[in-house]
Amino acid sequence: MSTYIYDLNADEKKLYNRSKRMFYYYLNQILSPEVKIISKSTLVVPETLESVYDNFFLKWKNKIIVYKIHSNNFERIV
């Protein structure tokens, strides 16, 4: 599994809002049932789909900061 933690950034509010709308629109186009949405800025993706999400985030490299964490187990405690 890979966990993606991302944050959109922009200098102007208008540009930020436009980027945010477009980002989530295209993200919703590629979401599949295997992907777990933890929060607005965190996704857990199985290894089989990792390259799809890597490519997606690379398209947004000028407008987003992304961290990727590899893990073997993901468990909710509380």
PDB file of N, CA and C in Angstrom:
ATOM      1  N   MET A   1       0.831  -1.186   0.000  1.00  0.00           N
ATOM      2  CA  MET A   1       0.000   0.000   0.000  1.00  0.00           C
ATOM      3  C   MET A   1       0.874   1.247   0.000  1.00  0.00           C
ATOM      4  N   SER A   2       0.361   2.273  -0.597  1.00  0.00           N
ATOM      5  CA  SER A   2       1.015   3.572  -0.579  1.00  0.00           C
ATOM      6  C   SER A   2       0.026   4.614  -0.071  1.00  0.00           C
ATOM      7  N   THR A   3       0.514   5.469   0.778  1.00  0.00           N
ATOM      8  CA  THR A   3      -0.305   6.556   1.304  1.00  0.00           C
ATOM      9  C   THR A   3       0.201   7.855   0.691  1.00  0.00           C
ATOM     10  N   TYR A   4      -0.698   8.601   0.082  1.00  0.00           N
ATOM     11  CA  TYR A   4      -0.372   9.893  -0.512  1.00  0.00           C
ATOM     12  C   TYR A   4      -0.944  10.983   0.379  1.00  0.00           C
ATOM     13  N   ILE A   5      -0.093  11.897   0.775  1.00  0.00           N
ATOM     14  CA  ILE A   5      -0.510  13.066   1.545  1.00  0.00           C
ATOM     15  C   ILE A   5      -0.164  14.271   0.686  1.00  0.00           C
ATOM     16  N   TYR A   6      -1.148  15.090   0.372  1.00  0.00           N
ATOM     17  CA  TYR A   6      -0.929  16.188  -0.562  1.00  0.00           C
ATOM     18  C   TYR A   6      -1.548  17.479  -0.051  1.00  0.00           C
ATOM     19  N   ASP A   7      -1.024  18.574  -0.599  1.00  0.00           N
ATOM     20  CA  ASP A   7      -1.516  19.899  -0.237  1.00  0.00           C
ATOM     21  C   ASP A   7      -1.435  20.788  -1.469  1.00  0.00           C
ATOM     22  N   LEU A   8      -2.541  21.373  -1.852  1.00  0.00           N
ATOM     23  CA  LEU A   8      -2.568  22.308  -2.971  1.00  0.00           C
ATOM     24  C   LEU A   8      -2.019  23.648  -2.516  1.00  0.00           C
ATOM     25  N   ASN A   9      -1.335  24.328  -3.427  1.00  0.00           N
ATOM     26  CA  ASN A   9      -0.833  25.651  -3.076  1.00  0.00           C
ATOM     27  C   ASN A   9      -0.933  26.588  -4.273  1.00  0.00           C
ATOM     28  N   ALA A  10      -1.151  27.844  -3.982  1.00  0.00           N
ATOM     29  CA  ALA A  10      -1.228  28.889  -5.014  1.00  0.00           C
ATOM     30  C   ALA A  10      -1.013  30.236  -4.336  1.00  0.00           C
ATOM     31  N   ASP A  11      -0.575  31.196  -5.124  1.00  0.00           N
ATOM     32  CA  ASP A  11      -0.310  32.525  -4.582  1.00  0.00           C
ATOM     33  C   ASP A  11      -1.580  33.343  -4.387  1.00  0.00           C
ATOM     34  N   GLU A  12      -2.517  33.196  -5.289  1.00  0.00           N
ATOM     35  CA  GLU A  12      -3.747  33.986  -5.242  1.00  0.00           C
ATOM     36  C   GLU A  12      -4.938  33.102  -4.904  1.00  0.00           C
ATOM     37  N   LYS A  13      -5.911  33.667  -4.240  1.00  0.00           N
ATOM     38  CA  LYS A  13      -7.096  32.916  -3.840  1.00  0.00           C
ATOM     39  C   LYS A  13      -7.875  32.419  -5.057  1.00  0.00           C
ATOM     40  N   LYS A  14      -8.027  33.255  -6.060  1.00  0.00           N
ATOM     41  CA  LYS A  14      -8.768  32.872  -7.263  1.00  0.00           C
ATOM     42  C   LYS A  14      -8.087  31.695  -7.971  1.00  0.00           C
ATOM     43  N   LEU A  15      -6.771  31.761  -8.086  1.00  0.00           N
ATOM     44  CA  LEU A  15      -6.009  30.689  -8.711  1.00  0.00           C
ATOM     45  C   LEU A  15      -6.090  29.406  -7.887  1.00  0.00           C
ATOM     46  N   TYR A  16      -6.031  29.541  -6.574  1.00  0.00           N
ATOM     47  CA  TYR A  16      -6.149  28.385  -5.677  1.00  0.00           C
ATOM     48  C   TYR A  16      -7.498  27.699  -5.849  1.00  0.00           C
ATOM     49  N   ASN A  17      -8.583  28.463  -5.849  1.00  0.00           N
ATOM     50  CA  ASN A  17      -9.916  27.883  -5.987  1.00  0.00           C
ATOM     51  C   ASN A  17     -10.101  27.178  -7.328  1.00  0.00           C
ATOM     52  N   ARG A  18      -9.575  27.763  -8.382  1.00  0.00           N
ATOM     53  CA  ARG A  18      -9.674  27.144  -9.700  1.00  0.00           C
ATOM     54  C   ARG A  18      -8.881  25.837  -9.738  1.00  0.00           C
ATOM     55  N   SER A  19      -7.678  25.868  -9.219  1.00  0.00           N
ATOM     56  CA  SER A  19      -6.844  24.667  -9.185  1.00  0.00           C
ATOM     57  C   SER A  19      -7.485  23.572  -8.344  1.00  0.00           C
ATOM     58  N   LYS A  20      -8.064  23.960  -7.233  1.00  0.00           N
ATOM     59  CA  LYS A  20      -8.703  23.002  -6.335  1.00  0.00           C
ATOM     60  C   LYS A  20      -9.880  22.311  -7.021  1.00  0.00           C
ATOM     61  N   ARG A  21     -10.723  23.081  -7.693  1.00  0.00           N
ATOM     62  CA  ARG A  21     -11.864  22.498  -8.411  1.00  0.00           C
ATOM     63  C   ARG A  21     -11.396  21.521  -9.481  1.00  0.00           C
ATOM     64  N   MET A  22     -10.416  21.941 -10.253  1.00  0.00           N
ATOM     65  CA  MET A  22      -9.911  21.088 -11.329  1.00  0.00           C
ATOM     66  C   MET A  22      -9.226  19.835 -10.773  1.00  0.00           C
ATOM     67  N   PHE A  23      -8.454  20.008  -9.720  1.00  0.00           N
ATOM     68  CA  PHE A  23      -7.749  18.874  -9.119  1.00  0.00           C
ATOM     69  C   PHE A  23      -8.747  17.807  -8.653  1.00  0.00           C
ATOM     70  N   TYR A  24      -9.738  18.203  -7.869  1.00  0.00           N
ATOM     71  CA  TYR A  24     -10.691  17.228  -7.343  1.00  0.00           C
ATOM     72  C   TYR A  24     -11.598  16.654  -8.437  1.00  0.00           C
ATOM     73  N   TYR A  25     -11.871  17.418  -9.460  1.00  0.00           N
ATOM     74  CA  TYR A  25     -12.642  16.888 -10.589  1.00  0.00           C
ATOM     75  C   TYR A  25     -11.880  15.729 -11.242  1.00  0.00           C
ATOM     76  N   TYR A  26     -10.603  15.941 -11.557  1.00  0.00           N
ATOM     77  CA  TYR A  26      -9.810  14.895 -12.204  1.00  0.00           C
ATOM     78  C   TYR A  26      -9.469  13.751 -11.252  1.00  0.00           C
ATOM     79  N   LEU A  27      -9.321  14.048  -9.987  1.00  0.00           N
ATOM     80  CA  LEU A  27      -9.092  12.980  -9.015  1.00  0.00           C
ATOM     81  C   LEU A  27     -10.305  12.060  -8.941  1.00  0.00           C
ATOM     82  N   ASN A  28     -11.492  12.629  -8.932  1.00  0.00           N
ATOM     83  CA  ASN A  28     -12.710  11.811  -8.891  1.00  0.00           C
ATOM     84  C   ASN A  28     -12.871  10.954 -10.142  1.00  0.00           C
ATOM     85  N   GLN A  29     -12.292  11.382 -11.249  1.00  0.00           N
ATOM     86  CA  GLN A  29     -12.364  10.602 -12.483  1.00  0.00           C
ATOM     87  C   GLN A  29     -11.561   9.304 -12.384  1.00  0.00           C
ATOM     88  N   ILE A  30     -10.477   9.298 -11.616  1.00  0.00           N
ATOM     89  CA  ILE A  30      -9.632   8.109 -11.544  1.00  0.00           C
ATOM     90  C   ILE A  30      -9.835   7.288 -10.268  1.00  0.00           C
ATOM     91  N   LEU A  31     -10.633   7.761  -9.346  1.00  0.00           N
ATOM     92  CA  LEU A  31     -10.843   7.021  -8.099  1.00  0.00           C
ATOM     93  C   LEU A  31     -11.487   5.671  -8.376  1.00  0.00           C
ATOM     94  N   SER A  32     -11.041   4.678  -7.652  1.00  0.00           N
ATOM     95  CA  SER A  32     -11.612   3.333  -7.775  1.00  0.00           C
ATOM     96  C   SER A  32     -11.999   2.841  -6.380  1.00  0.00           C
ATOM     97  N   PRO A  33     -12.789   1.779  -6.298  1.00  0.00           N
ATOM     98  CA  PRO A  33     -13.236   1.287  -4.975  1.00  0.00           C
ATOM     99  C   PRO A  33     -12.107   0.804  -4.062  1.00  0.00           C
ATOM    100  N   GLU A  34     -10.963   0.429  -4.647  1.00  0.00           N
ATOM    101  CA  GLU A  34      -9.843  -0.055  -3.837  1.00  0.00           C
ATOM    102  C   GLU A  34      -9.126   1.069  -3.094  1.00  0.00           C
ATOM    103  N   VAL A  35      -9.312   2.292  -3.538  1.00  0.00           N
ATOM    104  CA  VAL A  35      -8.638   3.447  -2.929  1.00  0.00           C
ATOM    105  C   VAL A  35      -9.436   3.918  -1.723  1.00  0.00           C
ATOM    106  N   LYS A  36      -8.734   4.084  -0.615  1.00  0.00           N
ATOM    107  CA  LYS A  36      -9.379   4.567   0.605  1.00  0.00           C
ATOM    108  C   LYS A  36      -9.076   6.052   0.763  1.00  0.00           C
ATOM    109  N   ILE A  37     -10.123   6.831   0.917  1.00  0.00           N
ATOM    110  CA  ILE A  37      -9.971   8.267   1.153  1.00  0.00           C
ATOM    111  C   ILE A  37     -10.014   8.477   2.659  1.00  0.00           C
ATOM    112  N   ILE A  38      -8.892   8.861   3.221  1.00  0.00           N
ATOM    113  CA  ILE A  38      -8.789   9.037   4.666  1.00  0.00           C
ATOM    114  C   ILE A  38      -9.257  10.433   5.075  1.00  0.00           C
ATOM    115  N   SER A  39      -8.841  11.438   4.334  1.00  0.00           N
ATOM    116  CA  SER A  39      -9.272  12.815   4.559  1.00  0.00           C
ATOM    117  C   SER A  39      -9.234  13.533   3.217  1.00  0.00           C
ATOM    118  N   LYS A  40      -9.489  14.836   3.230  1.00  0.00           N
ATOM    119  CA  LYS A  40      -9.449  15.603   1.981  1.00  0.00           C
ATOM    120  C   LYS A  40      -8.083  15.560   1.324  1.00  0.00           C
ATOM    121  N   SER A  41      -7.048  15.322   2.102  1.00  0.00           N
ATOM    122  CA  SER A  41      -5.697  15.381   1.554  1.00  0.00           C
ATOM    123  C   SER A  41      -4.887  14.103   1.772  1.00  0.00           C
ATOM    124  N   THR A  42      -5.561  12.982   2.005  1.00  0.00           N
ATOM    125  CA  THR A  42      -4.863  11.719   2.225  1.00  0.00           C
ATOM    126  C   THR A  42      -5.593  10.577   1.538  1.00  0.00           C
ATOM    127  N   LEU A  43      -4.826   9.823   0.740  1.00  0.00           N
ATOM    128  CA  LEU A  43      -5.355   8.650   0.041  1.00  0.00           C
ATOM    129  C   LEU A  43      -4.481   7.445   0.345  1.00  0.00           C
ATOM    130  N   VAL A  44      -5.105   6.268   0.465  1.00  0.00           N
ATOM    131  CA  VAL A  44      -4.364   5.019   0.580  1.00  0.00           C
ATOM    132  C   VAL A  44      -4.673   4.217  -0.681  1.00  0.00           C
ATOM    133  N   VAL A  45      -3.605   3.868  -1.404  1.00  0.00           N
ATOM    134  CA  VAL A  45      -3.733   3.257  -2.724  1.00  0.00           C
ATOM    135  C   VAL A  45      -3.027   1.904  -2.718  1.00  0.00           C
ATOM    136  N   PRO A  46      -3.660   0.854  -3.282  1.00  0.00           N
ATOM    137  CA  PRO A  46      -2.964  -0.430  -3.382  1.00  0.00           C
ATOM    138  C   PRO A  46      -1.814  -0.358  -4.388  1.00  0.00           C
ATOM    139  N   GLU A  47      -0.871  -1.266  -4.260  1.00  0.00           N
ATOM    140  CA  GLU A  47       0.313  -1.262  -5.120  1.00  0.00           C
ATOM    141  C   GLU A  47      -0.030  -1.380  -6.602  1.00  0.00           C
ATOM    142  N   THR A  48      -1.106  -2.052  -6.923  1.00  0.00           N
ATOM    143  CA  THR A  48      -1.484  -2.237  -8.330  1.00  0.00           C
ATOM    144  C   THR A  48      -1.857  -0.929  -9.012  1.00  0.00           C
ATOM    145  N   LEU A  49      -2.317   0.049  -8.251  1.00  0.00           N
ATOM    146  CA  LEU A  49      -2.726   1.342  -8.808  1.00  0.00           C
ATOM    147  C   LEU A  49      -1.718   2.459  -8.548  1.00  0.00           C
ATOM    148  N   GLU A  50      -0.620   2.119  -7.966  1.00  0.00           N
ATOM    149  CA  GLU A  50       0.361   3.136  -7.574  1.00  0.00           C
ATOM    150  C   GLU A  50       0.865   3.955  -8.763  1.00  0.00           C
ATOM    151  N   SER A  51       1.154   3.331  -9.872  1.00  0.00           N
ATOM    152  CA  SER A  51       1.668   4.071 -11.036  1.00  0.00           C
ATOM    153  C   SER A  51       0.629   5.043 -11.593  1.00  0.00           C
ATOM    154  N   VAL A  52      -0.642   4.691 -11.528  1.00  0.00           N
ATOM    155  CA  VAL A  52      -1.711   5.583 -11.995  1.00  0.00           C
ATOM    156  C   VAL A  52      -1.728   6.862 -11.167  1.00  0.00           C
ATOM    157  N   TYR A  53      -1.621   6.717  -9.859  1.00  0.00           N
ATOM    158  CA  TYR A  53      -1.665   7.879  -8.977  1.00  0.00           C
ATOM    159  C   TYR A  53      -0.359   8.669  -9.006  1.00  0.00           C
ATOM    160  N   ASP A  54       0.755   7.981  -9.200  1.00  0.00           N
ATOM    161  CA  ASP A  54       2.026   8.693  -9.383  1.00  0.00           C
ATOM    162  C   ASP A  54       1.939   9.607 -10.598  1.00  0.00           C
ATOM    163  N   ASN A  55       1.442   9.082 -11.694  1.00  0.00           N
ATOM    164  CA  ASN A  55       1.302   9.881 -12.923  1.00  0.00           C
ATOM    165  C   ASN A  55       0.311  11.022 -12.738  1.00  0.00           C
ATOM    166  N   PHE A  56      -0.769  10.763 -12.033  1.00  0.00           N
ATOM    167  CA  PHE A  56      -1.753  11.815 -11.775  1.00  0.00           C
ATOM    168  C   PHE A  56      -1.127  12.973 -10.999  1.00  0.00           C
ATOM    169  N   PHE A  57      -0.420  12.658  -9.916  1.00  0.00           N
ATOM    170  CA  PHE A  57       0.183  13.708  -9.100  1.00  0.00           C
ATOM    171  C   PHE A  57       1.308  14.421  -9.834  1.00  0.00           C
ATOM    172  N   LEU A  58       2.019  13.725 -10.709  1.00  0.00           N
ATOM    173  CA  LEU A  58       3.069  14.384 -11.491  1.00  0.00           C
ATOM    174  C   LEU A  58       2.507  15.446 -12.429  1.00  0.00           C
ATOM    175  N   LYS A  59       1.287  15.251 -12.911  1.00  0.00           N
ATOM    176  CA  LYS A  59       0.648  16.260 -13.769  1.00  0.00           C
ATOM    177  C   LYS A  59       0.382  17.558 -13.013  1.00  0.00           C
ATOM    178  N   TRP A  60       0.277  17.471 -11.707  1.00  0.00           N
ATOM    179  CA  TRP A  60      -0.029  18.632 -10.870  1.00  0.00           C
ATOM    180  C   TRP A  60       1.193  19.144 -10.126  1.00  0.00           C
ATOM    181  N   LYS A  61       2.392  18.777 -10.557  1.00  0.00           N
ATOM    182  CA  LYS A  61       3.600  19.069  -9.790  1.00  0.00           C
ATOM    183  C   LYS A  61       3.850  20.548  -9.529  1.00  0.00           C
ATOM    184  N   ASN A  62       3.337  21.450 -10.342  1.00  0.00           N
ATOM    185  CA  ASN A  62       3.540  22.879 -10.124  1.00  0.00           C
ATOM    186  C   ASN A  62       2.546  23.482  -9.138  1.00  0.00           C
ATOM    187  N   LYS A  63       1.468  22.761  -8.854  1.00  0.00           N
ATOM    188  CA  LYS A  63       0.405  23.311  -8.013  1.00  0.00           C
ATOM    189  C   LYS A  63       0.164  22.524  -6.729  1.00  0.00           C
ATOM    190  N   ILE A  64       1.015  21.534  -6.467  1.00  0.00           N
ATOM    191  CA  ILE A  64       0.750  20.652  -5.341  1.00  0.00           C
ATOM    192  C   ILE A  64       2.060  20.178  -4.707  1.00  0.00           C
ATOM    193  N   ILE A  65       1.975  19.880  -3.430  1.00  0.00           N
ATOM    194  CA  ILE A  65       3.074  19.232  -2.719  1.00  0.00           C
ATOM    195  C   ILE A  65       2.562  17.856  -2.317  1.00  0.00           C
ATOM    196  N   VAL A  66       3.313  16.801  -2.654  1.00  0.00           N
ATOM    197  CA  VAL A  66       2.858  15.430  -2.395  1.00  0.00           C
ATOM    198  C   VAL A  66       3.951  14.654  -1.672  1.00  0.00           C
ATOM    199  N   TYR A  67       3.517  13.894  -0.667  1.00  0.00           N
ATOM    200  CA  TYR A  67       4.387  12.960   0.027  1.00  0.00           C
ATOM    201  C   TYR A  67       3.791  11.569  -0.145  1.00  0.00           C
ATOM    202  N   LYS A  68       4.665  10.587  -0.376  1.00  0.00           N
ATOM    203  CA  LYS A  68       4.201   9.217  -0.550  1.00  0.00           C
ATOM    204  C   LYS A  68       4.876   8.338   0.492  1.00  0.00           C
ATOM    205  N   ILE A  69       4.063   7.543   1.181  1.00  0.00           N
ATOM    206  CA  ILE A  69       4.547   6.658   2.229  1.00  0.00           C
ATOM    207  C   ILE A  69       4.195   5.231   1.833  1.00  0.00           C
ATOM    208  N   HIS A  70       5.172   4.346   1.859  1.00  0.00           N
ATOM    209  CA  HIS A  70       4.925   2.929   1.590  1.00  0.00           C
ATOM    210  C   HIS A  70       4.693   2.222   2.918  1.00  0.00           C
ATOM    211  N   SER A  71       3.695   1.340   2.933  1.00  0.00           N
ATOM    212  CA  SER A  71       3.404   0.615   4.158  1.00  0.00           C
ATOM    213  C   SER A  71       2.903  -0.796   3.837  1.00  0.00           C
ATOM    214  N   ASN A  72       3.042  -1.685   4.800  1.00  0.00           N
ATOM    215  CA  ASN A  72       2.535  -3.045   4.653  1.00  0.00           C
ATOM    216  C   ASN A  72       1.174  -3.223   5.287  1.00  0.00           C
ATOM    217  N   ASN A  73       0.895  -2.376   6.255  1.00  0.00           N
ATOM    218  CA  ASN A  73      -0.343  -2.535   7.002  1.00  0.00           C
ATOM    219  C   ASN A  73      -0.893  -1.148   7.312  1.00  0.00           C
ATOM    220  N   PHE A  74      -2.207  -1.047   7.249  1.00  0.00           N
ATOM    221  CA  PHE A  74      -2.883   0.203   7.587  1.00  0.00           C
ATOM    222  C   PHE A  74      -4.062  -0.165   8.459  1.00  0.00           C
ATOM    223  N   GLU A  75      -4.106   0.380   9.656  1.00  0.00           N
ATOM    224  CA  GLU A  75      -5.108  -0.034  10.621  1.00  0.00           C
ATOM    225  C   GLU A  75      -5.639   1.170  11.383  1.00  0.00           C
ATOM    226  N   ARG A  76      -6.941   1.190  11.566  1.00  0.00           N
ATOM    227  CA  ARG A  76      -7.548   2.262  12.361  1.00  0.00           C
ATOM    228  C   ARG A  76      -7.600   1.820  13.819  1.00  0.00           C
ATOM    229  N   ILE A  77      -7.125   2.664  14.695  1.00  0.00           N
ATOM    230  CA  ILE A  77      -7.063   2.316  16.106  1.00  0.00           C
ATOM    231  C   ILE A  77      -8.289   2.812  16.852  1.00  0.00           C
ATOM    232  N   VAL A  78      -8.690   4.037  16.608  1.00  0.00           N
ATOM    233  CA  VAL A  78      -9.840   4.612  17.317  1.00  0.00           C
ATOM    234  C   VAL A  78     -10.891   5.015  16.317  1.00  0.00           C
TER     235      VAL A  78
END
